[in-house]
Amino acid sequence: MPGIASGTLKYLGTKTDFKKLLQGTGPEMKELRNTFNDFCAGNQTIKHNVAYSEQRFASPVKVLKRRKISKGPSVYNHLNAWGFPYDVITDATELTICLAKQRNNYYIYYRANVKNPRMENELSNSGDKQFMELGCAVWGFPGLLKHIVREDGRILYNTLMLCDGCYKTEEEAMKSFNGMKDVSMKRFYNELFGNG
């Protein structure tokens, strides 16, 4: 699917995933909801306006492989589109990655479940490093990132899978996919901080 905020970004998801993305969006998303409903009603070549251009709403892909990656506590240093850094710490991250083919290209997509993400609070006057919870307010596209509270902590996750890379050959894509131990979380944090 072409990017919602930019024609150059790709997302992967099922109709159910997209329906979850649109749940709770306001009147500003009415046109996107109508396009989605037309697509589900059978208009598989419907187009919509993205970043001042008309793009096909969604294209079919074939998922070739899927697997999970588990990571423990981590620190991520995110540099936003304007060059400002955000230091994010997490307790754990569960990734689902998949390799998909669309036309003549191969893509690796991921979904992340990030446990207890926190960002350094630069406004704190205490002198000690203070961290604030992330996920209660998401600055990017409405519904793309959501959070839930569970007994074991808060989880921030993406409703549509984010693209981690594009490959021209199946051999190159398989080699990268099979060797992956992590993904670049840049797309995830771009969505969180509104840089998507």
N, C-alpha and C. Protein backbone atom coordinates (compact mmCIF):
# COMPACT_ATOMS: atom_id res chain seq x y z
N MET A 1 0.84 -1.18 0.00
CA MET A 1 0.00 0.00 0.00
C MET A 1 0.88 1.24 0.00
N PRO A 2 0.57 2.23 -0.82
CA PRO A 2 1.37 3.46 -0.78
C PRO A 2 1.25 4.15 0.55
N GLY A 3 2.23 4.95 0.86
CA GLY A 3 2.23 5.65 2.13
C GLY A 3 1.03 6.54 2.30
N ILE A 4 0.57 6.66 3.52
CA ILE A 4 -0.57 7.50 3.82
C ILE A 4 -0.13 8.96 3.87
N ALA A 5 1.06 9.19 4.40
CA ALA A 5 1.56 10.56 4.51
C ALA A 5 2.48 10.91 3.35
N SER A 6 3.01 9.89 2.67
CA SER A 6 3.95 10.14 1.59
C SER A 6 3.82 9.03 0.57
N GLY A 7 3.82 9.39 -0.69
CA GLY A 7 3.73 8.39 -1.76
C GLY A 7 4.94 7.49 -1.82
N THR A 8 6.02 7.84 -1.13
CA THR A 8 7.23 7.02 -1.20
C THR A 8 7.28 5.95 -0.10
N LEU A 9 6.41 6.01 0.88
CA LEU A 9 6.43 5.04 1.97
C LEU A 9 5.48 3.89 1.66
N LYS A 10 5.89 2.68 2.02
CA LYS A 10 5.06 1.50 1.82
C LYS A 10 4.70 0.89 3.17
N TYR A 11 3.50 0.34 3.24
CA TYR A 11 3.02 -0.36 4.42
C TYR A 11 2.44 -1.69 3.95
N LEU A 12 2.41 -2.67 4.84
CA LEU A 12 1.85 -3.96 4.51
C LEU A 12 0.81 -4.32 5.56
N GLY A 13 -0.33 -4.80 5.09
CA GLY A 13 -1.36 -5.19 6.03
C GLY A 13 -2.53 -5.84 5.32
N THR A 14 -3.34 -6.49 6.10
CA THR A 14 -4.57 -7.10 5.60
C THR A 14 -5.70 -6.08 5.68
N LYS A 15 -6.84 -6.43 5.15
CA LYS A 15 -8.01 -5.55 5.28
C LYS A 15 -8.36 -5.34 6.75
N THR A 16 -8.21 -6.41 7.53
CA THR A 16 -8.49 -6.31 8.98
C THR A 16 -7.53 -5.33 9.65
N ASP A 17 -6.25 -5.39 9.27
CA ASP A 17 -5.26 -4.45 9.82
C ASP A 17 -5.64 -3.01 9.50
N PHE A 18 -6.05 -2.78 8.25
CA PHE A 18 -6.39 -1.42 7.85
C PHE A 18 -7.65 -0.94 8.54
N LYS A 19 -8.59 -1.86 8.75
CA LYS A 19 -9.82 -1.50 9.47
C LYS A 19 -9.47 -1.05 10.90
N LYS A 20 -8.54 -1.76 11.55
CA LYS A 20 -8.09 -1.38 12.89
C LYS A 20 -7.43 -0.01 12.87
N LEU A 21 -6.66 0.27 11.82
CA LEU A 21 -5.99 1.56 11.70
C LEU A 21 -7.02 2.69 11.67
N LEU A 22 -8.12 2.48 10.97
CA LEU A 22 -9.11 3.54 10.80
C LEU A 22 -10.08 3.68 11.98
N GLN A 23 -10.11 2.69 12.87
CA GLN A 23 -11.02 2.77 14.01
C GLN A 23 -10.69 3.97 14.87
N GLY A 24 -11.69 4.76 15.15
CA GLY A 24 -11.50 5.90 16.04
C GLY A 24 -10.96 7.14 15.37
N THR A 25 -10.74 7.11 14.04
CA THR A 25 -10.28 8.33 13.38
C THR A 25 -11.46 9.26 13.19
N GLY A 26 -11.17 10.54 13.12
CA GLY A 26 -12.21 11.55 13.06
C GLY A 26 -12.68 11.88 11.66
N PRO A 27 -13.42 12.97 11.53
CA PRO A 27 -14.00 13.36 10.24
C PRO A 27 -12.95 13.67 9.18
N GLU A 28 -11.74 14.03 9.60
CA GLU A 28 -10.68 14.35 8.64
C GLU A 28 -10.25 13.12 7.83
N MET A 29 -10.60 11.93 8.30
CA MET A 29 -10.24 10.69 7.61
C MET A 29 -11.42 10.07 6.84
N LYS A 30 -12.49 10.85 6.68
CA LYS A 30 -13.69 10.32 6.01
C LYS A 30 -13.38 9.85 4.59
N GLU A 31 -12.62 10.63 3.83
CA GLU A 31 -12.29 10.27 2.45
C GLU A 31 -11.48 8.96 2.41
N LEU A 32 -10.54 8.81 3.33
CA LEU A 32 -9.74 7.58 3.38
C LEU A 32 -10.63 6.38 3.75
N ARG A 33 -11.55 6.57 4.70
CA ARG A 33 -12.47 5.49 5.06
C ARG A 33 -13.35 5.10 3.87
N ASN A 34 -13.83 6.10 3.11
CA ASN A 34 -14.64 5.82 1.94
C ASN A 34 -13.84 5.05 0.88
N THR A 35 -12.60 5.44 0.68
CA THR A 35 -11.74 4.73 -0.28
C THR A 35 -11.54 3.29 0.15
N PHE A 36 -11.28 3.08 1.42
CA PHE A 36 -11.11 1.72 1.95
C PHE A 36 -12.39 0.90 1.75
N ASN A 37 -13.54 1.48 2.05
CA ASN A 37 -14.81 0.77 1.88
C ASN A 37 -15.05 0.41 0.42
N ASP A 38 -14.71 1.32 -0.51
CA ASP A 38 -14.84 1.02 -1.94
C ASP A 38 -13.89 -0.12 -2.35
N PHE A 39 -12.69 -0.11 -1.80
CA PHE A 39 -11.72 -1.17 -2.08
C PHE A 39 -12.27 -2.51 -1.60
N CYS A 40 -12.80 -2.55 -0.38
CA CYS A 40 -13.35 -3.79 0.18
C CYS A 40 -14.59 -4.26 -0.60
N ALA A 41 -15.31 -3.32 -1.20
CA ALA A 41 -16.51 -3.67 -1.98
C ALA A 41 -16.16 -4.21 -3.37
N GLY A 42 -14.86 -4.23 -3.70
CA GLY A 42 -14.47 -4.84 -4.97
C GLY A 42 -13.71 -3.97 -5.93
N ASN A 43 -13.58 -2.67 -5.67
CA ASN A 43 -12.84 -1.78 -6.56
C ASN A 43 -11.35 -1.88 -6.22
N GLN A 44 -10.70 -2.93 -6.72
CA GLN A 44 -9.31 -3.23 -6.35
C GLN A 44 -8.27 -2.30 -6.97
N THR A 45 -8.69 -1.45 -7.92
CA THR A 45 -7.74 -0.52 -8.54
C THR A 45 -8.01 0.93 -8.15
N ILE A 46 -8.83 1.13 -7.11
CA ILE A 46 -9.17 2.49 -6.68
C ILE A 46 -7.91 3.26 -6.30
N LYS A 47 -7.96 4.56 -6.58
CA LYS A 47 -6.83 5.44 -6.25
C LYS A 47 -7.25 6.43 -5.17
N HIS A 48 -6.25 7.00 -4.52
CA HIS A 48 -6.52 8.05 -3.52
C HIS A 48 -5.40 9.06 -3.57
N ASN A 49 -5.64 10.23 -2.99
CA ASN A 49 -4.66 11.31 -3.03
C ASN A 49 -3.68 11.16 -1.87
N VAL A 50 -2.40 11.14 -2.23
CA VAL A 50 -1.32 11.02 -1.25
C VAL A 50 -0.23 12.00 -1.64
N ALA A 51 0.14 12.86 -0.71
CA ALA A 51 1.26 13.78 -0.91
C ALA A 51 1.16 14.51 -2.25
N TYR A 52 0.00 15.09 -2.51
CA TYR A 52 -0.25 15.90 -3.70
C TYR A 52 -0.17 15.10 -5.00
N SER A 53 -0.39 13.80 -4.93
CA SER A 53 -0.43 12.97 -6.13
C SER A 53 -1.47 11.88 -5.95
N GLU A 54 -1.91 11.31 -7.05
CA GLU A 54 -2.89 10.24 -6.98
C GLU A 54 -2.15 8.90 -7.08
N GLN A 55 -2.39 8.04 -6.11
CA GLN A 55 -1.71 6.74 -6.01
C GLN A 55 -2.75 5.63 -5.93
N ARG A 56 -2.36 4.45 -6.39
CA ARG A 56 -3.22 3.29 -6.20
C ARG A 56 -3.31 3.03 -4.70
N PHE A 57 -4.53 2.78 -4.21
CA PHE A 57 -4.75 2.60 -2.78
C PHE A 57 -3.98 1.40 -2.22
N ALA A 58 -4.06 0.26 -2.91
CA ALA A 58 -3.37 -0.94 -2.43
C ALA A 58 -3.07 -1.86 -3.61
N SER A 59 -1.99 -2.61 -3.47
CA SER A 59 -1.59 -3.59 -4.48
C SER A 59 -1.36 -4.92 -3.77
N PRO A 60 -1.68 -6.02 -4.44
CA PRO A 60 -1.46 -7.32 -3.80
C PRO A 60 0.02 -7.66 -3.68
N VAL A 61 0.35 -8.36 -2.61
CA VAL A 61 1.70 -8.87 -2.41
C VAL A 61 1.60 -10.35 -2.04
N LYS A 62 2.70 -11.04 -2.23
CA LYS A 62 2.76 -12.44 -1.82
C LYS A 62 3.77 -12.54 -0.68
N VAL A 63 3.32 -12.98 0.48
CA VAL A 63 4.22 -13.14 1.63
C VAL A 63 4.93 -14.48 1.47
N LEU A 64 6.26 -14.42 1.41
CA LEU A 64 7.07 -15.61 1.18
C LEU A 64 7.53 -16.28 2.48
N LYS A 65 7.91 -15.48 3.45
CA LYS A 65 8.40 -16.01 4.73
C LYS A 65 8.01 -15.06 5.84
N ARG A 66 7.91 -15.62 7.03
CA ARG A 66 7.56 -14.83 8.22
C ARG A 66 8.28 -15.46 9.41
N ARG A 67 8.78 -14.62 10.31
CA ARG A 67 9.37 -15.14 11.54
C ARG A 67 9.39 -14.05 12.61
N LYS A 68 9.76 -14.46 13.82
CA LYS A 68 9.78 -13.53 14.96
C LYS A 68 11.22 -13.33 15.45
N ILE A 69 11.45 -12.15 16.00
CA ILE A 69 12.71 -11.81 16.64
C ILE A 69 12.37 -11.20 18.00
N SER A 70 13.04 -11.65 19.05
CA SER A 70 12.84 -11.10 20.40
C SER A 70 14.10 -10.37 20.83
N LYS A 71 13.91 -9.17 21.38
CA LYS A 71 15.03 -8.37 21.88
C LYS A 71 14.76 -8.00 23.33
N GLY A 72 15.79 -7.95 24.11
CA GLY A 72 15.66 -7.53 25.50
C GLY A 72 15.68 -6.01 25.60
N PRO A 73 16.03 -5.49 26.76
CA PRO A 73 16.08 -4.03 26.94
C PRO A 73 17.00 -3.38 25.92
N SER A 74 16.61 -2.20 25.46
CA SER A 74 17.46 -1.53 24.47
C SER A 74 17.34 -0.02 24.61
N VAL A 75 18.31 0.64 24.01
CA VAL A 75 18.34 2.10 23.93
C VAL A 75 18.36 2.43 22.44
N TYR A 76 17.50 3.34 22.03
CA TYR A 76 17.47 3.75 20.63
C TYR A 76 17.65 5.26 20.57
N ASN A 77 18.62 5.70 19.80
CA ASN A 77 18.88 7.12 19.62
C ASN A 77 18.28 7.54 18.28
N HIS A 78 17.12 8.18 18.34
CA HIS A 78 16.41 8.58 17.13
C HIS A 78 16.71 10.02 16.79
N LEU A 79 17.07 10.27 15.55
CA LEU A 79 17.30 11.62 15.05
C LEU A 79 16.12 11.95 14.14
N ASN A 80 15.33 12.97 14.50
CA ASN A 80 14.14 13.26 13.70
C ASN A 80 14.51 13.99 12.41
N ALA A 81 13.49 14.28 11.60
CA ALA A 81 13.69 14.88 10.28
C ALA A 81 14.37 16.24 10.34
N TRP A 82 14.30 16.92 11.48
CA TRP A 82 14.90 18.25 11.62
C TRP A 82 16.23 18.21 12.38
N GLY A 83 16.72 17.01 12.66
CA GLY A 83 18.02 16.88 13.30
C GLY A 83 18.00 16.88 14.81
N PHE A 84 16.82 16.79 15.44
CA PHE A 84 16.75 16.77 16.89
C PHE A 84 16.75 15.33 17.40
N PRO A 85 17.56 15.04 18.42
CA PRO A 85 17.65 13.66 18.92
C PRO A 85 16.59 13.34 19.99
N TYR A 86 16.14 12.11 19.98
CA TYR A 86 15.27 11.56 21.02
C TYR A 86 15.94 10.28 21.52
N ASP A 87 16.22 10.19 22.80
CA ASP A 87 16.77 8.96 23.38
C ASP A 87 15.62 8.16 23.96
N VAL A 88 15.41 6.96 23.42
CA VAL A 88 14.30 6.11 23.84
C VAL A 88 14.86 4.84 24.46
N ILE A 89 14.33 4.45 25.63
CA ILE A 89 14.69 3.17 26.23
C ILE A 89 13.44 2.29 26.29
N THR A 90 13.64 0.99 26.16
CA THR A 90 12.54 0.03 26.18
C THR A 90 12.93 -1.16 27.05
N ASP A 91 11.92 -1.86 27.57
CA ASP A 91 12.18 -3.07 28.35
C ASP A 91 12.37 -4.28 27.46
N ALA A 92 11.68 -4.33 26.34
CA ALA A 92 11.78 -5.46 25.41
C ALA A 92 11.06 -5.08 24.12
N THR A 93 11.40 -5.79 23.04
CA THR A 93 10.73 -5.60 21.75
C THR A 93 10.53 -6.96 21.11
N GLU A 94 9.30 -7.22 20.69
CA GLU A 94 8.98 -8.42 19.93
C GLU A 94 8.70 -7.98 18.50
N LEU A 95 9.45 -8.54 17.55
CA LEU A 95 9.30 -8.18 16.15
C LEU A 95 8.74 -9.35 15.35
N THR A 96 7.83 -9.07 14.46
CA THR A 96 7.41 -10.02 13.45
C THR A 96 7.90 -9.46 12.14
N ILE A 97 8.73 -10.22 11.44
CA ILE A 97 9.23 -9.76 10.15
C ILE A 97 8.70 -10.68 9.07
N CYS A 98 8.49 -10.11 7.90
CA CYS A 98 8.08 -10.95 6.78
C CYS A 98 8.75 -10.47 5.51
N LEU A 99 8.96 -11.43 4.62
CA LEU A 99 9.52 -11.17 3.31
C LEU A 99 8.37 -11.29 2.32
N ALA A 100 8.17 -10.26 1.52
CA ALA A 100 7.05 -10.23 0.58
C ALA A 100 7.54 -9.85 -0.80
N LYS A 101 6.86 -10.39 -1.80
CA LYS A 101 7.15 -10.04 -3.19
C LYS A 101 5.99 -9.23 -3.74
N GLN A 102 6.34 -8.11 -4.37
CA GLN A 102 5.35 -7.28 -5.04
C GLN A 102 5.90 -6.94 -6.41
N ARG A 103 5.20 -7.40 -7.43
CA ARG A 103 5.66 -7.30 -8.82
C ARG A 103 7.06 -7.91 -8.92
N ASN A 104 8.08 -7.13 -9.31
CA ASN A 104 9.43 -7.68 -9.49
C ASN A 104 10.36 -7.36 -8.33
N ASN A 105 9.84 -6.80 -7.25
CA ASN A 105 10.69 -6.44 -6.12
C ASN A 105 10.33 -7.26 -4.89
N TYR A 106 11.28 -7.33 -3.96
CA TYR A 106 11.12 -8.05 -2.70
C TYR A 106 11.30 -7.05 -1.57
N TYR A 107 10.44 -7.16 -0.55
CA TYR A 107 10.46 -6.22 0.57
C TYR A 107 10.49 -6.97 1.88
N ILE A 108 11.18 -6.40 2.86
CA ILE A 108 11.11 -6.90 4.23
C ILE A 108 10.28 -5.88 5.02
N TYR A 109 9.24 -6.40 5.67
CA TYR A 109 8.35 -5.58 6.49
C TYR A 109 8.43 -6.06 7.94
N TYR A 110 8.06 -5.19 8.87
CA TYR A 110 8.06 -5.59 10.27
C TYR A 110 6.92 -4.95 11.05
N ARG A 111 6.52 -5.68 12.09
CA ARG A 111 5.60 -5.16 13.10
C ARG A 111 6.35 -5.27 14.42
N ALA A 112 6.32 -4.21 15.21
CA ALA A 112 7.04 -4.19 16.49
C ALA A 112 6.04 -4.03 17.63
N ASN A 113 6.23 -4.83 18.67
CA ASN A 113 5.54 -4.65 19.94
C ASN A 113 6.61 -4.20 20.93
N VAL A 114 6.60 -2.93 21.27
CA VAL A 114 7.63 -2.35 22.12
C VAL A 114 7.08 -2.22 23.53
N LYS A 115 7.77 -2.84 24.48
CA LYS A 115 7.30 -2.85 25.87
C LYS A 115 7.89 -1.69 26.66
N ASN A 116 7.01 -0.92 27.27
CA ASN A 116 7.36 0.21 28.15
C ASN A 116 8.38 1.18 27.52
N PRO A 117 8.05 1.76 26.36
CA PRO A 117 8.98 2.74 25.78
C PRO A 117 8.95 4.04 26.59
N ARG A 118 10.14 4.60 26.82
CA ARG A 118 10.28 5.84 27.57
C ARG A 118 11.31 6.73 26.87
N MET A 119 11.09 8.03 26.95
CA MET A 119 11.98 8.99 26.32
C MET A 119 12.57 9.90 27.40
N GLU A 120 13.83 10.27 27.20
CA GLU A 120 14.45 11.18 28.16
C GLU A 120 13.68 12.50 28.17
N ASN A 121 13.35 12.95 29.37
CA ASN A 121 12.60 14.19 29.55
C ASN A 121 13.59 15.33 29.76
N GLU A 122 13.81 16.08 28.71
CA GLU A 122 14.78 17.18 28.77
C GLU A 122 14.28 18.37 29.57
N LEU A 123 12.97 18.37 29.90
CA LEU A 123 12.40 19.49 30.64
C LEU A 123 12.53 19.32 32.15
N SER A 124 13.04 18.17 32.57
CA SER A 124 13.18 17.92 34.00
C SER A 124 14.26 18.82 34.59
N ASN A 125 13.96 19.39 35.74
CA ASN A 125 14.92 20.28 36.41
C ASN A 125 15.63 19.59 37.57
N SER A 126 15.44 18.28 37.73
CA SER A 126 15.96 17.60 38.90
C SER A 126 17.48 17.40 38.86
N GLY A 127 18.08 17.48 37.66
CA GLY A 127 19.51 17.22 37.56
C GLY A 127 19.79 15.76 37.23
N ASP A 128 18.91 14.86 37.63
CA ASP A 128 19.04 13.45 37.28
C ASP A 128 18.33 13.21 35.95
N LYS A 129 18.77 12.14 35.27
CA LYS A 129 18.07 11.78 34.04
C LYS A 129 16.68 11.30 34.38
N GLN A 130 15.69 11.92 33.77
CA GLN A 130 14.29 11.55 33.96
C GLN A 130 13.73 11.04 32.63
N PHE A 131 12.86 10.04 32.71
CA PHE A 131 12.25 9.50 31.49
C PHE A 131 10.74 9.59 31.60
N MET A 132 10.10 9.88 30.47
CA MET A 132 8.64 9.95 30.43
C MET A 132 8.12 8.83 29.53
N GLU A 133 6.92 8.33 29.86
CA GLU A 133 6.31 7.25 29.09
C GLU A 133 5.97 7.74 27.69
N LEU A 134 6.16 6.85 26.72
CA LEU A 134 5.78 7.13 25.34
C LEU A 134 4.60 6.26 24.95
N GLY A 135 3.80 6.76 24.03
CA GLY A 135 2.72 5.95 23.50
C GLY A 135 1.34 6.46 23.85
N CYS A 136 1.22 7.21 24.94
CA CYS A 136 -0.09 7.74 25.31
C CYS A 136 -0.54 8.79 24.31
N ALA A 137 0.40 9.51 23.73
CA ALA A 137 0.11 10.46 22.66
C ALA A 137 1.07 10.16 21.52
N VAL A 138 0.52 9.88 20.35
CA VAL A 138 1.34 9.57 19.18
C VAL A 138 1.21 10.74 18.22
N TRP A 139 2.33 11.24 17.73
CA TRP A 139 2.33 12.46 16.95
C TRP A 139 2.20 12.21 15.45
N GLY A 140 2.33 10.98 14.98
CA GLY A 140 2.26 10.68 13.56
C GLY A 140 0.85 10.44 13.08
N PHE A 141 0.70 9.63 12.03
CA PHE A 141 -0.60 9.37 11.44
C PHE A 141 -1.51 8.69 12.45
N PRO A 142 -2.76 9.17 12.60
CA PRO A 142 -3.67 8.58 13.59
C PRO A 142 -3.91 7.10 13.34
N GLY A 143 -3.73 6.29 14.36
CA GLY A 143 -4.04 4.87 14.28
C GLY A 143 -2.92 3.98 13.82
N LEU A 144 -1.84 4.54 13.24
CA LEU A 144 -0.76 3.68 12.76
C LEU A 144 0.00 3.06 13.92
N LEU A 145 0.19 3.83 14.98
CA LEU A 145 0.76 3.29 16.21
C LEU A 145 -0.32 3.35 17.28
N LYS A 146 -0.43 2.27 18.02
CA LYS A 146 -1.40 2.22 19.11
C LYS A 146 -0.71 1.66 20.35
N HIS A 147 -1.31 1.92 21.50
CA HIS A 147 -0.75 1.34 22.72
C HIS A 147 -1.86 0.68 23.52
N ILE A 148 -1.44 -0.36 24.24
CA ILE A 148 -2.35 -1.06 25.13
C ILE A 148 -1.65 -1.22 26.47
N VAL A 149 -2.44 -1.34 27.51
CA VAL A 149 -1.89 -1.57 28.84
C VAL A 149 -2.24 -3.01 29.23
N ARG A 150 -1.21 -3.78 29.55
CA ARG A 150 -1.39 -5.16 29.99
C ARG A 150 -0.87 -5.29 31.40
N GLU A 151 -1.09 -6.45 32.00
CA GLU A 151 -0.59 -6.67 33.37
C GLU A 151 0.91 -6.54 33.46
N ASP A 152 1.62 -6.95 32.41
CA ASP A 152 3.09 -6.92 32.44
C ASP A 152 3.68 -5.61 31.91
N GLY A 153 2.85 -4.63 31.59
CA GLY A 153 3.37 -3.34 31.14
C GLY A 153 2.61 -2.78 29.95
N ARG A 154 3.07 -1.64 29.47
CA ARG A 154 2.46 -1.00 28.31
C ARG A 154 3.14 -1.47 27.03
N ILE A 155 2.35 -1.67 25.99
CA ILE A 155 2.88 -2.10 24.70
C ILE A 155 2.50 -1.05 23.65
N LEU A 156 3.49 -0.59 22.90
CA LEU A 156 3.29 0.30 21.77
C LEU A 156 3.55 -0.54 20.52
N TYR A 157 2.60 -0.53 19.57
CA TYR A 157 2.76 -1.38 18.38
C TYR A 157 2.23 -0.68 17.14
N ASN A 158 2.69 -1.14 15.97
CA ASN A 158 2.20 -0.59 14.71
C ASN A 158 1.13 -1.50 14.12
N THR A 159 0.02 -0.89 13.67
CA THR A 159 -1.10 -1.65 13.13
C THR A 159 -0.81 -2.17 11.73
N LEU A 160 -0.09 -1.40 10.93
CA LEU A 160 0.35 -1.85 9.61
C LEU A 160 1.85 -2.11 9.68
N MET A 161 2.32 -3.10 8.91
CA MET A 161 3.74 -3.41 8.93
C MET A 161 4.51 -2.32 8.17
N LEU A 162 5.68 -1.99 8.68
CA LEU A 162 6.54 -0.96 8.12
C LEU A 162 7.63 -1.59 7.27
N CYS A 163 8.01 -0.91 6.20
CA CYS A 163 9.02 -1.44 5.29
C CYS A 163 10.42 -1.19 5.84
N ASP A 164 11.22 -2.27 5.88
CA ASP A 164 12.60 -2.15 6.36
C ASP A 164 13.61 -2.20 5.22
N GLY A 165 13.20 -2.62 4.03
CA GLY A 165 14.14 -2.67 2.92
C GLY A 165 13.53 -3.23 1.66
N CYS A 166 14.11 -2.85 0.52
CA CYS A 166 13.68 -3.31 -0.80
C CYS A 166 14.86 -3.97 -1.50
N TYR A 167 14.58 -5.06 -2.21
CA TYR A 167 15.61 -5.83 -2.88
C TYR A 167 15.17 -6.16 -4.30
N LYS A 168 16.12 -6.21 -5.20
CA LYS A 168 15.81 -6.48 -6.60
C LYS A 168 15.74 -7.98 -6.90
N THR A 169 16.49 -8.79 -6.15
CA THR A 169 16.50 -10.23 -6.43
C THR A 169 16.04 -11.01 -5.22
N GLU A 170 15.45 -12.19 -5.48
CA GLU A 170 15.00 -13.04 -4.39
C GLU A 170 16.18 -13.54 -3.56
N GLU A 171 17.29 -13.84 -4.22
CA GLU A 171 18.47 -14.33 -3.51
C GLU A 171 18.98 -13.30 -2.50
N GLU A 172 19.09 -12.06 -2.94
CA GLU A 172 19.55 -10.99 -2.05
C GLU A 172 18.56 -10.78 -0.89
N ALA A 173 17.27 -10.82 -1.20
CA ALA A 173 16.25 -10.62 -0.17
C ALA A 173 16.26 -11.76 0.84
N MET A 174 16.35 -13.00 0.38
CA MET A 174 16.37 -14.16 1.28
C MET A 174 17.60 -14.12 2.19
N LYS A 175 18.74 -13.77 1.63
CA LYS A 175 19.97 -13.70 2.42
C LYS A 175 19.83 -12.68 3.54
N SER A 176 19.29 -11.52 3.21
CA SER A 176 19.11 -10.47 4.21
C SER A 176 18.08 -10.91 5.25
N PHE A 177 16.95 -11.45 4.80
CA PHE A 177 15.88 -11.87 5.70
C PHE A 177 16.37 -12.95 6.67
N ASN A 178 17.05 -13.98 6.13
CA ASN A 178 17.51 -15.09 6.97
C ASN A 178 18.58 -14.67 7.97
N GLY A 179 19.34 -13.61 7.64
CA GLY A 179 20.41 -13.16 8.53
C GLY A 179 19.99 -12.09 9.52
N MET A 180 18.74 -11.62 9.43
CA MET A 180 18.31 -10.51 10.29
C MET A 180 18.21 -10.92 11.75
N LYS A 181 18.82 -10.09 12.61
CA LYS A 181 18.70 -10.26 14.05
C LYS A 181 17.98 -9.06 14.67
N ASP A 182 17.75 -8.04 13.84
CA ASP A 182 17.10 -6.81 14.29
C ASP A 182 16.61 -6.07 13.05
N VAL A 183 15.85 -5.01 13.25
CA VAL A 183 15.43 -4.13 12.16
C VAL A 183 15.82 -2.71 12.54
N SER A 184 15.86 -1.86 11.55
CA SER A 184 16.04 -0.44 11.84
C SER A 184 14.70 0.08 12.34
N MET A 185 14.67 0.58 13.53
CA MET A 185 13.42 1.09 14.11
C MET A 185 13.14 2.53 13.68
N LYS A 186 13.91 3.05 12.75
CA LYS A 186 13.74 4.45 12.33
C LYS A 186 12.33 4.73 11.84
N ARG A 187 11.77 3.85 11.00
CA ARG A 187 10.41 4.08 10.49
C ARG A 187 9.40 4.09 11.64
N PHE A 188 9.56 3.19 12.59
CA PHE A 188 8.66 3.11 13.74
C PHE A 188 8.68 4.43 14.52
N TYR A 189 9.90 4.89 14.85
CA TYR A 189 10.01 6.13 15.63
C TYR A 189 9.69 7.37 14.81
N ASN A 190 9.88 7.31 13.48
CA ASN A 190 9.40 8.42 12.63
C ASN A 190 7.89 8.57 12.77
N GLU A 191 7.20 7.44 12.80
CA GLU A 191 5.74 7.48 12.96
C GLU A 191 5.37 8.00 14.35
N LEU A 192 6.08 7.58 15.37
CA LEU A 192 5.78 8.00 16.74
C LEU A 192 5.96 9.50 16.90
N PHE A 193 7.06 10.02 16.36
CA PHE A 193 7.38 11.43 16.56
C PHE A 193 6.88 12.33 15.42
N GLY A 194 6.05 11.79 14.54
CA GLY A 194 5.41 12.60 13.52
C GLY A 194 6.29 12.93 12.34
N ASN A 195 7.33 12.15 12.09
CA ASN A 195 8.23 12.42 10.98
C ASN A 195 7.97 11.49 9.78
N GLY A 196 6.87 10.70 9.85
CA GLY A 196 6.58 9.68 8.81
C GLY A 196 6.24 10.31 7.50
